[in-house]
Amino acid sequence: MEYKLFDDYITLQSLLKTTGLLHSGGAIKSFLAENQVLVNGQEENRRGKKLRVGDLVELPEQAKTITLAAPSPEEIQEHENDLAEKARVAAIVKEMNKQNKLQKQTKIGKKQARAPRQTKHTSEQTDRRPVRFPGT
């Protein structure tokens, strides 16, 4: 399997999660303790091991090999376009959330501005209300 590395490095944990071989940090920790993982031919058990372009990760028991490769200029451009689109969408969502929050605060402010209704409860009215138990 070949993994295109767009950054300077990736940790062993991130690589195993990104490739879908393992799904969580806890699973990776126990996997490294129980299985042999070779990085450039040497056994490695550190989740935070930094891997760079040209490194070779082998999982002999699973018959998996991952080679870290440099992406082509076209792949780099596509990756940058994807990141820019994600940032654009995140900014739109952030602005929408901000507007929704302001609208809710405005509605709450209007409700509080109204004079609260004063009601008198007689003993008969209070007896008709259902009994409320804590936690329900």
C-alpha atoms as a PDB file:
ATOM      1  CA  MET A   1       0.000   0.000   0.000  1.00  0.00           C
ATOM      2  CA  GLU A   2       1.279   3.468  -0.781  1.00  0.00           C
ATOM      3  CA  TYR A   3       0.422   6.460   1.408  1.00  0.00           C
ATOM      4  CA  LYS A   4       0.844   9.984   0.033  1.00  0.00           C
ATOM      5  CA  LEU A   5       2.329  12.233   2.709  1.00  0.00           C
ATOM      6  CA  PHE A   6       1.333  15.893   2.258  1.00  0.00           C
ATOM      7  CA  ASP A   7       3.012  17.154   5.454  1.00  0.00           C
ATOM      8  CA  ASP A   8       6.577  16.942   6.759  1.00  0.00           C
ATOM      9  CA  TYR A   9       5.767  13.858   8.816  1.00  0.00           C
ATOM     10  CA  ILE A  10       2.961  11.696  10.217  1.00  0.00           C
ATOM     11  CA  THR A  11       2.993   9.739  13.472  1.00  0.00           C
ATOM     12  CA  LEU A  12       2.696   5.970  13.425  1.00  0.00           C
ATOM     13  CA  GLN A  13      -0.620   6.229  15.284  1.00  0.00           C
ATOM     14  CA  SER A  14      -2.053   8.696  12.757  1.00  0.00           C
ATOM     15  CA  LEU A  15      -0.884   6.555   9.860  1.00  0.00           C
ATOM     16  CA  LEU A  16      -2.572   3.439  11.228  1.00  0.00           C
ATOM     17  CA  LYS A  17      -5.789   5.383  11.893  1.00  0.00           C
ATOM     18  CA  THR A  18      -5.774   7.210   8.534  1.00  0.00           C
ATOM     19  CA  THR A  19      -5.222   4.037   6.546  1.00  0.00           C
ATOM     20  CA  GLY A  20      -8.099   2.377   8.409  1.00  0.00           C
ATOM     21  CA  LEU A  21      -5.994  -0.467   9.805  1.00  0.00           C
ATOM     22  CA  LEU A  22      -6.911   0.477  13.393  1.00  0.00           C
ATOM     23  CA  HIS A  23      -9.637   2.774  14.656  1.00  0.00           C
ATOM     24  CA  SER A  24      -8.588   4.329  17.957  1.00  0.00           C
ATOM     25  CA  GLY A  25      -5.577   5.312  20.016  1.00  0.00           C
ATOM     26  CA  GLY A  26      -6.335   2.643  22.617  1.00  0.00           C
ATOM     27  CA  ALA A  27      -6.557  -0.043  19.946  1.00  0.00           C
ATOM     28  CA  ILE A  28      -3.246   1.131  18.477  1.00  0.00           C
ATOM     29  CA  LYS A  29      -1.550   1.093  21.868  1.00  0.00           C
ATOM     30  CA  SER A  30      -2.558  -2.501  22.572  1.00  0.00           C
ATOM     31  CA  PHE A  31      -1.847  -3.502  18.953  1.00  0.00           C
ATOM     32  CA  LEU A  32       1.724  -2.213  19.209  1.00  0.00           C
ATOM     33  CA  ALA A  33       2.199  -4.038  22.525  1.00  0.00           C
ATOM     34  CA  GLU A  34       0.948  -7.372  21.133  1.00  0.00           C
ATOM     35  CA  ASN A  35       2.105  -7.287  17.480  1.00  0.00           C
ATOM     36  CA  GLN A  36       5.328  -6.708  15.667  1.00  0.00           C
ATOM     37  CA  VAL A  37       5.540  -3.474  13.648  1.00  0.00           C
ATOM     38  CA  LEU A  38       8.658  -2.726  11.632  1.00  0.00           C
ATOM     39  CA  VAL A  39       9.660   0.760  10.533  1.00  0.00           C
ATOM     40  CA  ASN A  40      12.454   0.629   7.978  1.00  0.00           C
ATOM     41  CA  GLY A  41      13.249  -2.922   9.139  1.00  0.00           C
ATOM     42  CA  GLN A  42      13.486  -2.087  12.860  1.00  0.00           C
ATOM     43  CA  GLU A  43      10.859  -3.020  15.418  1.00  0.00           C
ATOM     44  CA  GLU A  44       8.861  -0.008  16.628  1.00  0.00           C
ATOM     45  CA  ASN A  45       6.366   0.208  19.500  1.00  0.00           C
ATOM     46  CA  ARG A  46       6.013   3.988  19.933  1.00  0.00           C
ATOM     47  CA  ARG A  47       2.723   5.458  18.734  1.00  0.00           C
ATOM     48  CA  GLY A  48       4.309   8.880  18.324  1.00  0.00           C
ATOM     49  CA  LYS A  49       7.126   7.731  16.039  1.00  0.00           C
ATOM     50  CA  LYS A  50       7.457  10.324  13.277  1.00  0.00           C
ATOM     51  CA  LEU A  51       7.383   8.866   9.784  1.00  0.00           C
ATOM     52  CA  ARG A  52       8.609  10.734   6.722  1.00  0.00           C
ATOM     53  CA  VAL A  53       8.582  10.301   2.955  1.00  0.00           C
ATOM     54  CA  GLY A  54      10.510   7.174   2.000  1.00  0.00           C
ATOM     55  CA  ASP A  55       9.835   5.288   5.249  1.00  0.00           C
ATOM     56  CA  LEU A  56       8.533   1.731   5.047  1.00  0.00           C
ATOM     57  CA  VAL A  57       6.094   0.390   7.669  1.00  0.00           C
ATOM     58  CA  GLU A  58       5.565  -3.367   7.798  1.00  0.00           C
ATOM     59  CA  LEU A  59       2.967  -5.358   9.713  1.00  0.00           C
ATOM     60  CA  PRO A  60       4.270  -8.908   9.142  1.00  0.00           C
ATOM     61  CA  GLU A  61       1.465 -10.721  11.016  1.00  0.00           C
ATOM     62  CA  GLN A  62      -1.175  -8.940   8.872  1.00  0.00           C
ATOM     63  CA  ALA A  63       0.922  -9.175   5.677  1.00  0.00           C
ATOM     64  CA  LYS A  64       0.643  -5.397   5.191  1.00  0.00           C
ATOM     65  CA  THR A  65       3.300  -3.004   3.954  1.00  0.00           C
ATOM     66  CA  ILE A  66       2.883   0.785   3.794  1.00  0.00           C
ATOM     67  CA  THR A  67       5.292   2.955   1.845  1.00  0.00           C
ATOM     68  CA  LEU A  68       5.229   6.700   2.496  1.00  0.00           C
ATOM     69  CA  ALA A  69       5.525   8.515  -0.818  1.00  0.00           C
ATOM     70  CA  ALA A  70       5.695  12.132  -1.902  1.00  0.00           C
ATOM     71  CA  PRO A  71       2.605  13.337  -3.772  1.00  0.00           C
ATOM     72  CA  SER A  72       2.793  14.642  -7.332  1.00  0.00           C
ATOM     73  CA  PRO A  73       2.345  18.390  -8.005  1.00  0.00           C
ATOM     74  CA  GLU A  74      -1.213  17.695  -9.243  1.00  0.00           C
ATOM     75  CA  GLU A  75      -2.032  15.807  -6.034  1.00  0.00           C
ATOM     76  CA  ILE A  76      -0.582  18.647  -3.951  1.00  0.00           C
ATOM     77  CA  GLN A  77      -2.745  21.177  -5.806  1.00  0.00           C
ATOM     78  CA  GLU A  78      -5.847  19.016  -5.348  1.00  0.00           C
ATOM     79  CA  HIS A  79      -5.047  18.623  -1.635  1.00  0.00           C
ATOM     80  CA  GLU A  80      -4.646  22.404  -1.240  1.00  0.00           C
ATOM     81  CA  ASN A  81      -7.946  22.969  -3.061  1.00  0.00           C
ATOM     82  CA  ASP A  82      -9.659  20.499  -0.719  1.00  0.00           C
ATOM     83  CA  LEU A  83      -8.232  22.258   2.341  1.00  0.00           C
ATOM     84  CA  ALA A  84      -9.335  25.659   0.996  1.00  0.00           C
ATOM     85  CA  GLU A  85     -12.866  24.336   0.388  1.00  0.00           C
ATOM     86  CA  LYS A  86     -13.039  22.875   3.907  1.00  0.00           C
ATOM     87  CA  ALA A  87     -11.923  26.215   5.354  1.00  0.00           C
ATOM     88  CA  ARG A  88     -14.520  28.067   3.248  1.00  0.00           C
ATOM     89  CA  VAL A  89     -17.334  25.757   4.403  1.00  0.00           C
ATOM     90  CA  ALA A  90     -16.172  25.998   8.031  1.00  0.00           C
ATOM     91  CA  ALA A  91     -16.284  29.809   7.826  1.00  0.00           C
ATOM     92  CA  ILE A  92     -19.829  29.686   6.407  1.00  0.00           C
ATOM     93  CA  VAL A  93     -20.986  27.333   9.175  1.00  0.00           C
ATOM     94  CA  LYS A  94     -19.324  29.499  11.825  1.00  0.00           C
ATOM     95  CA  GLU A  95     -21.101  32.602  10.508  1.00  0.00           C
ATOM     96  CA  MET A  96     -24.448  30.773  10.395  1.00  0.00           C
ATOM     97  CA  ASN A  97     -23.994  29.592  13.988  1.00  0.00           C
ATOM     98  CA  LYS A  98     -23.142  33.131  15.043  1.00  0.00           C
ATOM     99  CA  GLN A  99     -26.304  34.497  13.377  1.00  0.00           C
ATOM    100  CA  ASN A 100     -28.460  31.755  14.938  1.00  0.00           C
ATOM    101  CA  LYS A 101     -27.036  32.548  18.356  1.00  0.00           C
ATOM    102  CA  LEU A 102     -27.809  36.248  17.922  1.00  0.00           C
ATOM    103  CA  GLN A 103     -31.364  35.471  16.817  1.00  0.00           C
ATOM    104  CA  LYS A 104     -31.921  33.253  19.852  1.00  0.00           C
ATOM    105  CA  GLN A 105     -30.546  35.928  22.178  1.00  0.00           C
ATOM    106  CA  THR A 106     -32.819  38.516  20.567  1.00  0.00           C
ATOM    107  CA  LYS A 107     -35.860  36.273  21.061  1.00  0.00           C
ATOM    108  CA  ILE A 108     -34.918  35.619  24.679  1.00  0.00           C
ATOM    109  CA  GLY A 109     -34.436  39.343  25.263  1.00  0.00           C
ATOM    110  CA  LYS A 110     -37.913  40.077  23.873  1.00  0.00           C
ATOM    111  CA  LYS A 111     -39.475  37.436  26.121  1.00  0.00           C
ATOM    112  CA  GLN A 112     -37.751  38.857  29.181  1.00  0.00           C
ATOM    113  CA  ALA A 113     -38.801  42.383  28.261  1.00  0.00           C
ATOM    114  CA  ARG A 114     -42.486  41.457  28.508  1.00  0.00           C
ATOM    115  CA  ALA A 115     -44.054  41.912  31.894  1.00  0.00           C
ATOM    116  CA  PRO A 116     -44.523  38.561  33.580  1.00  0.00           C
ATOM    117  CA  ARG A 117     -48.093  37.592  34.286  1.00  0.00           C
ATOM    118  CA  GLN A 118     -49.050  37.550  37.893  1.00  0.00           C
ATOM    119  CA  THR A 119     -51.316  34.691  38.862  1.00  0.00           C
ATOM    120  CA  LYS A 120     -52.647  33.863  42.245  1.00  0.00           C
ATOM    121  CA  HIS A 121     -52.882  30.236  43.157  1.00  0.00           C
ATOM    122  CA  THR A 122     -55.557  29.127  45.500  1.00  0.00           C
ATOM    123  CA  SER A 123     -55.095  26.009  47.544  1.00  0.00           C
ATOM    124  CA  GLU A 124     -57.456  24.185  45.136  1.00  0.00           C
ATOM    125  CA  GLN A 125     -55.309  25.106  42.097  1.00  0.00           C
ATOM    126  CA  THR A 126     -52.091  23.977  43.700  1.00  0.00           C
ATOM    127  CA  ASP A 127     -53.680  20.669  44.711  1.00  0.00           C
ATOM    128  CA  ARG A 128     -54.625  19.943  41.064  1.00  0.00           C
ATOM    129  CA  ARG A 129     -51.082  20.132  39.776  1.00  0.00           C
ATOM    130  CA  PRO A 130     -49.349  16.756  39.349  1.00  0.00           C
ATOM    131  CA  VAL A 131     -46.750  15.782  41.865  1.00  0.00           C
ATOM    132  CA  ARG A 132     -43.213  16.047  40.497  1.00  0.00           C
ATOM    133  CA  PHE A 133     -40.546  13.733  41.750  1.00  0.00           C
ATOM    134  CA  PRO A 134     -36.863  14.668  41.629  1.00  0.00           C
ATOM    135  CA  GLY A 135     -35.053  13.229  38.637  1.00  0.00           C
ATOM    136  CA  THR A 136     -38.109  12.776  36.409  1.00  0.00           C
END
